């Protein structure tokens, strides 16, 4: 099982979308500063995630969310409920 997850910075309130096969380990790596894209925005909180059966599907969904503002906003609303 693979996941597309949504993180929110507790510093500036901005979001980060990523994909992984282990959400808790990936969140820990973000908060430990091992991910350059989020290092300056720590600490980060997990808002939620979607599950996908394959890495390819999760990667495509991540790509789709990062390229489409309307899909991204819908994803934010869905996970923040």
C-alpha atoms as a PDB file:
ATOM      1  CA  UNK A   1       0.000   0.000   0.000  1.00  0.00           C
ATOM      2  CA  UNK A   2       1.228   3.489  -0.885  1.00  0.00           C
ATOM      3  CA  UNK A   3       0.085   6.862   0.371  1.00  0.00           C
ATOM      4  CA  UNK A   4      -0.234  10.448  -0.838  1.00  0.00           C
ATOM      5  CA  UNK A   5      -0.020  12.593   2.279  1.00  0.00           C
ATOM      6  CA  UNK A   6      -0.634  16.196   3.256  1.00  0.00           C
ATOM      7  CA  UNK A   7       1.518  18.012   5.804  1.00  0.00           C
ATOM      8  CA  UNK A   8       0.981  21.475   7.231  1.00  0.00           C
ATOM      9  CA  UNK A   9       3.751  23.644   8.622  1.00  0.00           C
ATOM     10  CA  UNK A  10       3.125  24.867  12.150  1.00  0.00           C
ATOM     11  CA  UNK A  11       5.448  27.811  11.431  1.00  0.00           C
ATOM     12  CA  UNK A  12       3.924  29.380   8.328  1.00  0.00           C
ATOM     13  CA  UNK A  13       0.729  27.359   7.746  1.00  0.00           C
ATOM     14  CA  UNK A  14       1.803  26.212   4.265  1.00  0.00           C
ATOM     15  CA  UNK A  15       1.078  22.739   2.932  1.00  0.00           C
ATOM     16  CA  UNK A  16       3.330  20.029   1.527  1.00  0.00           C
ATOM     17  CA  UNK A  17       2.164  17.054  -0.558  1.00  0.00           C
ATOM     18  CA  UNK A  18       4.246  13.895  -0.907  1.00  0.00           C
ATOM     19  CA  UNK A  19       3.987  10.153  -1.432  1.00  0.00           C
ATOM     20  CA  UNK A  20       5.467   7.218   0.473  1.00  0.00           C
ATOM     21  CA  UNK A  21       4.943   3.635   1.574  1.00  0.00           C
ATOM     22  CA  UNK A  22       5.333   4.489   5.296  1.00  0.00           C
ATOM     23  CA  UNK A  23       3.613   7.679   6.443  1.00  0.00           C
ATOM     24  CA  UNK A  24       4.867   7.728  10.037  1.00  0.00           C
ATOM     25  CA  UNK A  25       8.515   7.178   9.043  1.00  0.00           C
ATOM     26  CA  UNK A  26       8.265   9.836   6.335  1.00  0.00           C
ATOM     27  CA  UNK A  27       6.723  12.354   8.752  1.00  0.00           C
ATOM     28  CA  UNK A  28       9.585  11.689  11.179  1.00  0.00           C
ATOM     29  CA  UNK A  29      12.154  12.328   8.413  1.00  0.00           C
ATOM     30  CA  UNK A  30      10.432  15.618   7.541  1.00  0.00           C
ATOM     31  CA  UNK A  31      10.455  16.746  11.174  1.00  0.00           C
ATOM     32  CA  UNK A  32      14.083  15.676  11.695  1.00  0.00           C
ATOM     33  CA  UNK A  33      15.155  17.954   8.844  1.00  0.00           C
ATOM     34  CA  UNK A  34      16.202  15.284   6.329  1.00  0.00           C
ATOM     35  CA  UNK A  35      13.894  16.637   3.597  1.00  0.00           C
ATOM     36  CA  UNK A  36      15.326  19.859   2.110  1.00  0.00           C
ATOM     37  CA  UNK A  37      11.941  21.098   0.834  1.00  0.00           C
ATOM     38  CA  UNK A  38      10.477  21.254   4.357  1.00  0.00           C
ATOM     39  CA  UNK A  39      13.552  21.741   6.565  1.00  0.00           C
ATOM     40  CA  UNK A  40      12.931  25.457   7.222  1.00  0.00           C
ATOM     41  CA  UNK A  41       9.206  24.930   7.845  1.00  0.00           C
ATOM     42  CA  UNK A  42       9.440  22.493  10.767  1.00  0.00           C
ATOM     43  CA  UNK A  43       7.570  21.305  12.754  1.00  0.00           C
ATOM     44  CA  UNK A  44       5.072  19.752  10.370  1.00  0.00           C
ATOM     45  CA  UNK A  45       1.774  18.104  11.243  1.00  0.00           C
ATOM     46  CA  UNK A  46       0.157  15.291   9.286  1.00  0.00           C
ATOM     47  CA  UNK A  47      -3.272  16.439   8.068  1.00  0.00           C
ATOM     48  CA  UNK A  48      -4.199  13.189   6.324  1.00  0.00           C
ATOM     49  CA  UNK A  49      -3.490  10.808   3.474  1.00  0.00           C
ATOM     50  CA  UNK A  50      -5.000   8.798   0.620  1.00  0.00           C
ATOM     51  CA  UNK A  51      -4.162   5.162  -0.056  1.00  0.00           C
ATOM     52  CA  UNK A  52      -3.191   3.761  -3.441  1.00  0.00           C
ATOM     53  CA  UNK A  53      -2.471   0.157  -4.470  1.00  0.00           C
ATOM     54  CA  UNK A  54       0.767   0.902  -6.365  1.00  0.00           C
ATOM     55  CA  UNK A  55       3.640   3.360  -6.220  1.00  0.00           C
ATOM     56  CA  UNK A  56       2.908   4.440  -9.799  1.00  0.00           C
ATOM     57  CA  UNK A  57      -0.649   5.423  -8.879  1.00  0.00           C
ATOM     58  CA  UNK A  58       0.550   7.327  -5.806  1.00  0.00           C
ATOM     59  CA  UNK A  59       3.218   9.135  -7.844  1.00  0.00           C
ATOM     60  CA  UNK A  60       0.703  10.068 -10.521  1.00  0.00           C
ATOM     61  CA  UNK A  61      -1.743  11.382  -7.914  1.00  0.00           C
ATOM     62  CA  UNK A  62       1.024  13.449  -6.276  1.00  0.00           C
ATOM     63  CA  UNK A  63       1.984  14.867  -9.693  1.00  0.00           C
ATOM     64  CA  UNK A  64      -1.669  15.589 -10.492  1.00  0.00           C
ATOM     65  CA  UNK A  65      -2.171  17.443  -7.195  1.00  0.00           C
ATOM     66  CA  UNK A  66       0.975  19.519  -7.599  1.00  0.00           C
ATOM     67  CA  UNK A  67       0.039  20.572 -11.149  1.00  0.00           C
ATOM     68  CA  UNK A  68      -3.672  21.351 -10.705  1.00  0.00           C
ATOM     69  CA  UNK A  69      -4.749  24.078  -8.288  1.00  0.00           C
ATOM     70  CA  UNK A  70      -8.390  22.973  -8.332  1.00  0.00           C
ATOM     71  CA  UNK A  71      -7.535  19.331  -7.546  1.00  0.00           C
ATOM     72  CA  UNK A  72      -5.113  20.482  -4.852  1.00  0.00           C
ATOM     73  CA  UNK A  73      -7.770  22.654  -3.169  1.00  0.00           C
ATOM     74  CA  UNK A  74     -10.241  19.765  -3.286  1.00  0.00           C
ATOM     75  CA  UNK A  75      -7.591  17.480  -1.705  1.00  0.00           C
ATOM     76  CA  UNK A  76      -6.985  20.025   1.090  1.00  0.00           C
ATOM     77  CA  UNK A  77     -10.708  20.330   1.826  1.00  0.00           C
ATOM     78  CA  UNK A  78     -11.214  16.567   1.813  1.00  0.00           C
ATOM     79  CA  UNK A  79      -8.359  15.865   4.241  1.00  0.00           C
ATOM     80  CA  UNK A  80      -8.983  18.769   6.603  1.00  0.00           C
ATOM     81  CA  UNK A  81     -12.495  17.556   7.471  1.00  0.00           C
END
